[in-house]
Protein backbone atom coordinates (compact mmCIF):
# COMPACT_ATOMS: atom_id res chain seq x y z
CA MET A 1 81.69 101.21 80.61
CA SER A 2 79.47 100.58 83.66
CA THR A 3 78.73 96.97 84.54
CA GLU A 4 75.23 95.66 84.92
CA SER A 5 76.27 92.57 86.86
CA ASP A 6 74.97 93.92 90.13
CA ILE A 7 71.39 94.19 88.87
CA THR A 8 69.26 91.29 90.17
CA PRO A 9 65.61 90.40 89.47
CA SER A 10 63.15 90.98 92.20
CA ALA A 11 61.74 88.15 94.34
CA ALA A 12 58.31 88.78 92.83
CA ASP A 13 59.64 88.27 89.32
CA ARG A 14 61.32 85.04 90.25
CA HIS A 15 58.15 83.72 91.93
CA HIS A 16 55.62 84.62 89.21
CA PRO A 17 57.20 83.77 85.82
CA LEU A 18 53.99 82.32 84.47
CA LEU A 19 52.01 85.32 85.61
CA LYS A 20 54.41 87.67 83.84
CA LEU A 21 54.06 85.61 80.66
CA ALA A 22 50.26 85.61 80.91
CA LEU A 23 50.19 89.39 81.51
CA GLU A 24 52.29 89.96 78.39
CA LEU A 25 50.55 87.45 76.11
CA GLY A 26 46.99 88.03 77.40
CA PRO A 27 46.35 91.37 75.69
CA LEU A 28 47.90 90.07 72.42
CA MET A 29 45.58 87.07 72.45
CA ILE A 30 42.58 89.29 73.08
CA PHE A 31 43.62 91.55 70.19
CA PHE A 32 43.93 88.58 67.81
CA PHE A 33 40.61 86.89 68.68
CA ALA A 34 38.71 90.23 68.88
CA ASN A 35 39.83 91.04 65.40
CA LEU A 36 39.03 87.55 64.23
CA ARG A 37 35.50 87.66 65.79
CA GLY A 38 34.92 91.37 65.60
CA GLN A 39 31.53 91.15 63.91
CA TRP A 40 30.30 88.56 66.41
CA LEU A 41 31.41 90.76 69.31
CA VAL A 42 29.51 93.70 67.84
CA GLU A 43 26.37 91.59 67.53
CA LYS A 44 26.65 90.43 71.13
CA PHE A 45 27.66 93.88 72.48
CA PRO A 46 26.22 96.54 70.21
CA ALA A 47 28.00 99.33 72.09
CA LEU A 48 31.21 98.14 70.59
CA SER A 49 30.02 99.23 67.16
CA GLU A 50 30.81 102.80 68.23
CA LEU A 51 34.50 101.96 67.98
CA GLY A 52 34.27 101.10 64.25
CA GLY A 53 35.21 97.98 62.32
CA PRO A 54 36.69 94.74 63.69
CA LEU A 55 40.22 96.05 63.86
CA PHE A 56 39.12 99.08 65.86
CA VAL A 57 37.05 96.89 68.23
CA ALA A 58 40.11 94.70 68.71
CA THR A 59 42.21 97.85 69.29
CA GLY A 60 39.81 99.11 72.00
CA LEU A 61 39.80 95.76 73.78
CA PHE A 62 43.60 95.52 73.40
CA MET A 63 44.01 98.84 75.11
CA ALA A 64 41.69 97.81 77.98
CA ALA A 65 43.46 94.47 78.39
CA THR A 66 46.92 96.24 78.33
CA ILE A 67 45.85 98.74 81.02
CA LEU A 68 44.47 95.88 83.17
CA SER A 69 47.66 93.85 82.78
CA LEU A 70 49.75 96.81 83.96
CA ILE A 71 47.50 97.33 86.95
CA VAL A 72 47.78 93.59 87.92
CA SER A 73 51.61 93.82 87.38
CA LYS A 74 51.81 96.71 89.80
CA ILE A 75 49.58 95.01 92.41
CA VAL A 76 51.05 91.54 92.25
CA LEU A 77 54.66 92.10 91.17
CA GLY A 78 55.01 95.39 93.03
CA HIS A 79 56.41 97.25 90.08
CA LEU A 80 55.87 97.86 86.33
CA PRO A 81 58.42 96.16 84.02
CA ILE A 82 60.00 98.66 81.67
CA MET A 83 59.12 96.97 78.33
CA PRO A 84 55.40 96.34 79.06
CA PHE A 85 55.11 99.80 80.59
CA VAL A 86 56.54 101.64 77.64
CA SER A 87 54.67 99.41 75.17
CA GLY A 88 51.47 100.04 77.13
CA ILE A 89 51.89 103.82 76.90
CA VAL A 90 52.35 103.59 73.13
CA VAL A 91 49.37 101.19 72.81
CA VAL A 92 47.10 103.68 74.60
CA ILE A 93 48.29 106.71 72.61
CA PHE A 94 48.33 105.09 69.16
CA GLY A 95 45.25 103.00 69.80
CA SER A 96 43.28 106.11 70.88
CA LEU A 97 44.43 107.94 67.70
CA SER A 98 43.45 104.99 65.56
CA ILE A 99 39.92 104.88 67.03
CA TRP A 100 39.39 108.60 67.19
CA LEU A 101 40.57 109.20 63.62
CA GLN A 102 39.27 105.84 62.33
CA ASN A 103 42.75 105.20 60.86
CA GLU A 104 44.36 101.85 61.58
CA THR A 105 47.75 103.14 60.55
CA PHE A 106 48.48 104.37 64.09
CA ILE A 107 47.98 101.02 65.88
CA LYS A 108 49.85 99.26 63.05
CA MET A 109 52.84 101.50 63.59
CA LYS A 110 52.83 100.87 67.36
CA PRO A 111 55.26 97.85 67.14
CA THR A 112 57.49 99.89 64.81
CA ILE A 113 57.69 102.79 67.31
CA VAL A 114 58.26 100.55 70.35
CA ASN A 115 60.91 98.37 68.77
CA ALA A 116 62.71 101.28 67.21
CA LEU A 117 62.65 103.05 70.56
CA PHE A 118 64.20 100.16 72.37
CA GLY A 119 66.72 99.53 69.61
CA VAL A 120 67.90 103.15 69.51
CA ALA A 121 67.93 103.34 73.35
CA LEU A 122 70.09 100.20 73.70
CA LEU A 123 72.61 101.11 70.94
CA GLY A 124 72.59 104.79 71.97
CA GLY A 125 73.27 103.80 75.61
CA LEU A 126 76.32 101.87 74.52
CA ALA A 127 77.55 104.96 72.69
CA PHE A 128 77.53 106.76 76.02
CA GLY A 129 79.16 103.88 77.88
CA ARG A 130 75.98 102.46 79.39
CA SER A 131 74.55 98.99 78.85
CA LEU A 132 70.78 99.34 79.49
CA LEU A 133 69.75 95.81 78.62
CA GLY A 134 69.75 94.65 82.26
CA TYR A 135 67.19 97.37 83.11
CA VAL A 136 65.09 96.64 80.01
CA PHE A 137 64.75 92.93 80.95
CA ASN A 138 64.73 93.50 84.69
CA ALA A 139 68.03 91.57 84.89
CA ALA A 140 66.70 88.04 84.35
CA PHE A 141 70.37 86.99 84.47
CA GLN A 142 73.75 88.51 85.47
CA LEU A 143 76.63 88.96 83.05
CA ASP A 144 80.07 90.54 83.11
CA ALA A 145 80.57 93.92 81.41
CA GLU A 146 81.75 92.36 78.07
CA GLY A 147 78.71 90.03 78.06
CA TRP A 148 76.31 92.92 78.54
CA ARG A 149 77.99 94.87 75.76
CA LYS A 150 77.77 92.10 73.24
CA LEU A 151 74.21 91.12 74.18
CA THR A 152 73.10 94.75 74.08
CA ILE A 153 74.39 95.20 70.59
CA ARG A 154 72.61 92.00 69.43
CA TRP A 155 69.30 93.02 71.05
CA GLY A 156 69.60 96.61 69.77
CA ILE A 157 69.95 95.31 66.23
CA PHE A 158 67.22 92.75 66.72
CA PHE A 159 64.74 95.39 67.93
CA LEU A 160 65.52 97.51 64.86
CA PHE A 161 64.98 94.39 62.69
CA LEU A 162 61.53 93.87 64.23
CA ALA A 163 60.67 97.48 63.58
CA VAL A 164 61.57 97.16 59.88
CA LEU A 165 59.81 93.77 59.66
CA ASN A 166 56.59 95.25 61.05
CA GLU A 167 56.71 98.09 58.52
CA VAL A 168 57.10 95.57 55.71
CA VAL A 169 54.19 93.38 56.87
CA TRP A 170 51.58 96.05 57.62
CA ARG A 171 52.31 98.02 54.42
CA ASN A 172 52.15 95.01 52.12
CA PHE A 173 49.59 92.58 53.56
CA SER A 174 46.03 92.58 54.79
CA ASP A 175 44.82 93.57 58.25
CA ASP A 176 44.20 89.96 59.22
CA THR A 177 47.68 88.89 58.09
CA TRP A 178 49.32 91.78 60.04
CA VAL A 179 47.36 90.87 63.24
CA ALA A 180 48.31 87.18 62.88
CA PHE A 181 51.90 88.16 62.34
CA LYS A 182 51.86 90.47 65.37
CA VAL A 183 50.58 87.63 67.62
CA TRP A 184 51.93 84.44 66.09
CA GLY A 185 54.90 85.63 64.11
CA THR A 186 56.80 88.08 66.37
CA MET A 187 56.75 85.83 69.41
CA PRO A 188 58.31 82.75 67.80
CA ILE A 189 60.95 84.88 66.11
CA THR A 190 61.80 86.46 69.44
CA ILE A 191 61.91 83.11 71.25
CA ILE A 192 64.26 81.68 68.55
CA PHE A 193 66.53 84.76 68.78
CA THR A 194 66.56 84.57 72.58
CA LEU A 195 67.54 80.90 72.55
CA ALA A 196 70.30 81.66 70.06
CA GLN A 197 71.83 84.00 72.65
CA MET A 198 72.17 81.31 75.28
CA PRO A 199 75.80 80.42 74.40
CA LEU A 200 76.78 84.04 74.91
CA VAL A 201 74.81 84.24 78.15
CA LEU A 202 76.39 81.10 79.57
CA LYS A 203 79.88 82.17 78.54
CA HIS A 204 79.62 85.57 80.27
CA SER A 205 77.39 84.64 83.26
CA VAL A 206 78.58 85.63 86.71
CA ASN A 207 77.54 84.25 90.05
CA LEU A 208 77.00 87.20 92.37
CA GLU A 209 76.87 85.05 95.53
CA THR A 210 80.11 83.37 94.63
CA ASP A 211 81.77 86.66 93.72
CA GLY A 212 80.61 88.22 96.97
CA GLU A 213 82.27 85.41 99.00
CA LYS A 214 85.63 85.98 97.28
């Protein structure tokens, strides 16, 4: 199995952590509040009524905010992080289908598609002897080969769990509940899961500078 311990985060990523967080959360916040105040937005900006109901207005603004965040990422960070880039592509495709067909199913399935894609990619990569997690997260840390293998398995399963959870929520609850879950539910769950992986990360961390001096 190849090791990912030689993958290091770029200087831009290290210097702009808050910007990266804002670029990832910004579009989600816009999506939530646009859905919450969709009718008010249509009254203030009548042109938005062409998109449809509140969820479609929110979807249109979500797409615009996502594209803008990717542009800013490219300009400021110098590259497009893999997860936001792939997610952005799916947002534009499924968001466009939702608005065009006036069917919210497409945008609701976006998290399912993205999470399932990452889950299958991570677990499938391991089956071929590759740990792709370092590339997915732009190597926010460096681990030995065994650490990457264990963490990749955990994240692969977690992504698949999020995909199933999204399906359960959007198919059984209201639009407003699903939007609230997407913004305020998924993030805390992910943070808790990430923190739970810290013992493994600390156990398998490697210091590249120290290793290089040996």
